[in-house]
Amino acid sequence: MTTSSVSPGVQRVPLPLPTDGLRAVDVYVLETDAGPTLVDAGWAIEGARDLLESALAALDHATRDITRFLVTHVHRDHDTQAVTVRREFGAHISTGLGTSRPSTSSTTPRHDAATRTSTPCAPRGPSTSPSSGAPSPPAPPPT
């Protein structure tokens, strides 16, 4: 799988999926002043990690340089590698408003929710307050 330029400062990196009907998940590397930001992260498997490290090296970066992940949704092919990198190097993970986390009571958890942070990317309507579980008021319309 090869990396391709989408536009200046944006690279598409297809990362393999081990047992899925799909061959790859696309991860996008955004060059920012703070360091690389990735849109999605891929599945936390050795082959995907190796390809991500190669793609970052071609951009003169290493995995430790990733500052943020913007996870489009919580599925193991989109978020588990972000959790792994966060544990290793402290990268921040942001998810969309209303994105639910996997249950921590599962007998086969995909990742440890206690080590994960989530920050809404943009307000899109009512949500649940993380502290109380009560509905939060809708965000005001943009001015």
Protein backbone atom coordinates (compact mmCIF):
# COMPACT_ATOMS: atom_id res chain seq x y z
CA MET A 1 0.00 0.00 0.00
CA THR A 2 1.31 3.41 -0.88
CA THR A 3 0.88 6.89 0.51
CA SER A 4 -0.65 9.51 -1.74
CA SER A 5 -0.86 13.28 -1.55
CA VAL A 6 -4.43 14.56 -1.29
CA SER A 7 -3.48 18.24 -1.21
CA PRO A 8 -0.56 20.28 0.15
CA GLY A 9 -0.02 19.17 3.74
CA VAL A 10 -2.42 16.21 3.55
CA GLN A 11 -1.32 12.63 2.87
CA ARG A 12 -3.56 9.55 2.56
CA VAL A 13 -2.09 6.43 4.17
CA PRO A 14 -4.07 3.22 3.60
CA LEU A 15 -3.46 0.80 6.47
CA PRO A 16 -4.29 -2.92 6.29
CA LEU A 17 -7.20 -4.60 8.03
CA PRO A 18 -6.54 -8.14 9.25
CA THR A 19 -9.88 -9.93 9.04
CA ASP A 20 -12.29 -7.45 7.58
CA GLY A 21 -13.97 -7.71 4.17
CA LEU A 22 -12.25 -4.44 3.34
CA ARG A 23 -8.56 -4.38 2.48
CA ALA A 24 -7.62 -1.11 4.17
CA VAL A 25 -8.74 1.87 6.19
CA ASP A 26 -7.60 5.30 5.01
CA VAL A 27 -5.71 7.39 7.55
CA TYR A 28 -4.95 11.01 6.70
CA VAL A 29 -1.83 12.77 7.95
CA LEU A 30 -2.33 16.53 8.30
CA GLU A 31 0.86 18.58 8.59
CA THR A 32 0.36 21.24 11.27
CA ASP A 33 2.67 23.70 13.02
CA ALA A 34 2.35 21.58 16.18
CA GLY A 35 3.22 18.34 14.38
CA PRO A 36 1.27 15.67 12.52
CA THR A 37 -2.44 15.32 13.21
CA LEU A 38 -4.02 12.10 11.98
CA VAL A 39 -7.62 11.66 10.89
CA ASP A 40 -8.32 8.13 12.11
CA ALA A 41 -5.50 5.82 13.11
CA GLY A 42 -6.09 2.31 11.86
CA TRP A 43 -6.23 -0.99 13.68
CA ALA A 44 -3.57 -1.57 16.33
CA ILE A 45 -1.83 -4.43 14.53
CA GLU A 46 1.84 -4.84 13.70
CA GLY A 47 1.49 -4.49 9.91
CA ALA A 48 -0.53 -1.29 10.19
CA ARG A 49 1.90 0.18 12.70
CA ASP A 50 4.87 -0.64 10.44
CA LEU A 51 3.23 1.04 7.44
CA LEU A 52 2.25 4.09 9.48
CA GLU A 53 5.82 4.46 10.76
CA SER A 54 7.16 4.18 7.18
CA ALA A 55 4.70 6.79 5.92
CA LEU A 56 5.60 9.17 8.73
CA ALA A 57 9.33 8.63 8.12
CA ALA A 58 8.82 9.59 4.47
CA LEU A 59 7.36 12.87 5.80
CA ASP A 60 10.34 13.35 8.15
CA HIS A 61 8.31 12.41 11.23
CA ALA A 62 8.12 9.55 13.70
CA THR A 63 5.17 8.10 15.59
CA ARG A 64 6.24 10.05 18.70
CA ASP A 65 5.72 13.30 16.71
CA ILE A 66 1.94 12.75 16.36
CA THR A 67 0.21 15.38 18.48
CA ARG A 68 -3.46 14.60 17.87
CA PHE A 69 -5.82 12.04 16.41
CA LEU A 70 -9.21 13.09 15.04
CA VAL A 71 -11.19 9.85 15.21
CA THR A 72 -14.24 9.84 12.96
CA HIS A 73 -15.98 7.06 14.91
CA VAL A 74 -15.17 4.46 17.53
CA HIS A 75 -14.47 1.23 15.67
CA ARG A 76 -11.30 -0.80 16.14
CA ASP A 77 -10.18 -0.12 12.57
CA HIS A 78 -10.35 3.64 13.19
CA ASP A 79 -9.32 4.16 16.82
CA THR A 80 -7.29 1.37 18.42
CA GLN A 81 -3.95 2.47 17.05
CA ALA A 82 -4.67 5.99 18.34
CA VAL A 83 -5.14 4.56 21.83
CA THR A 84 -1.87 2.63 21.55
CA VAL A 85 0.08 5.71 20.41
CA ARG A 86 -1.52 7.80 23.15
CA ARG A 87 -0.35 5.28 25.75
CA GLU A 88 3.18 5.33 24.35
CA PHE A 89 3.68 9.01 23.54
CA GLY A 90 0.74 11.01 24.95
CA ALA A 91 -0.95 12.09 21.71
CA HIS A 92 -4.41 13.58 22.25
CA ILE A 93 -7.48 11.80 20.85
CA SER A 94 -10.54 13.78 19.76
CA THR A 95 -13.81 12.18 18.75
CA GLY A 96 -16.95 13.67 17.28
CA LEU A 97 -19.75 14.85 19.53
CA GLY A 98 -22.12 11.99 20.29
CA THR A 99 -19.52 9.32 19.59
CA SER A 100 -20.03 6.55 22.11
CA ARG A 101 -17.24 4.63 23.76
CA PRO A 102 -17.23 0.85 23.92
CA SER A 103 -18.57 -0.65 27.12
CA THR A 104 -15.91 -1.19 29.77
CA SER A 105 -17.87 -4.21 31.04
CA SER A 106 -17.30 -6.18 27.85
CA THR A 107 -15.47 -9.48 28.25
CA THR A 108 -13.31 -8.59 25.25
CA PRO A 109 -12.75 -4.82 25.42
CA ARG A 110 -11.20 -3.22 22.35
CA HIS A 111 -9.17 -0.84 24.49
CA ASP A 112 -8.95 0.58 27.95
CA ALA A 113 -11.45 3.44 28.07
CA ALA A 114 -9.81 4.81 31.23
CA THR A 115 -6.70 5.84 29.30
CA ARG A 116 -8.61 7.53 26.54
CA THR A 117 -9.63 11.15 26.32
CA SER A 118 -12.26 12.48 24.04
CA THR A 119 -12.91 16.03 23.00
CA PRO A 120 -15.75 17.05 20.72
CA CYS A 121 -14.53 18.25 17.33
CA ALA A 122 -17.49 20.59 16.83
CA PRO A 123 -20.87 21.11 18.49
CA ARG A 124 -23.65 19.44 16.51
CA GLY A 125 -26.66 19.38 18.82
CA PRO A 126 -27.77 17.87 22.14
CA SER A 127 -25.36 15.54 23.89
CA THR A 128 -24.95 13.88 27.24
CA SER A 129 -23.02 15.61 29.98
CA PRO A 130 -19.94 13.49 30.79
CA SER A 131 -20.11 14.29 34.51
CA SER A 132 -23.79 13.72 35.26
CA GLY A 133 -25.15 11.73 32.31
CA ALA A 134 -27.94 14.30 32.01
CA PRO A 135 -28.72 15.80 28.59
CA SER A 136 -26.76 18.95 27.88
CA PRO A 137 -28.54 21.94 26.35
CA PRO A 138 -28.12 22.33 22.60
CA ALA A 139 -25.21 24.46 21.46
CA PRO A 140 -26.14 27.98 20.37
CA PRO A 141 -26.22 28.55 16.63
CA PRO A 142 -23.05 30.04 15.11
CA THR A 143 -23.09 33.81 14.72
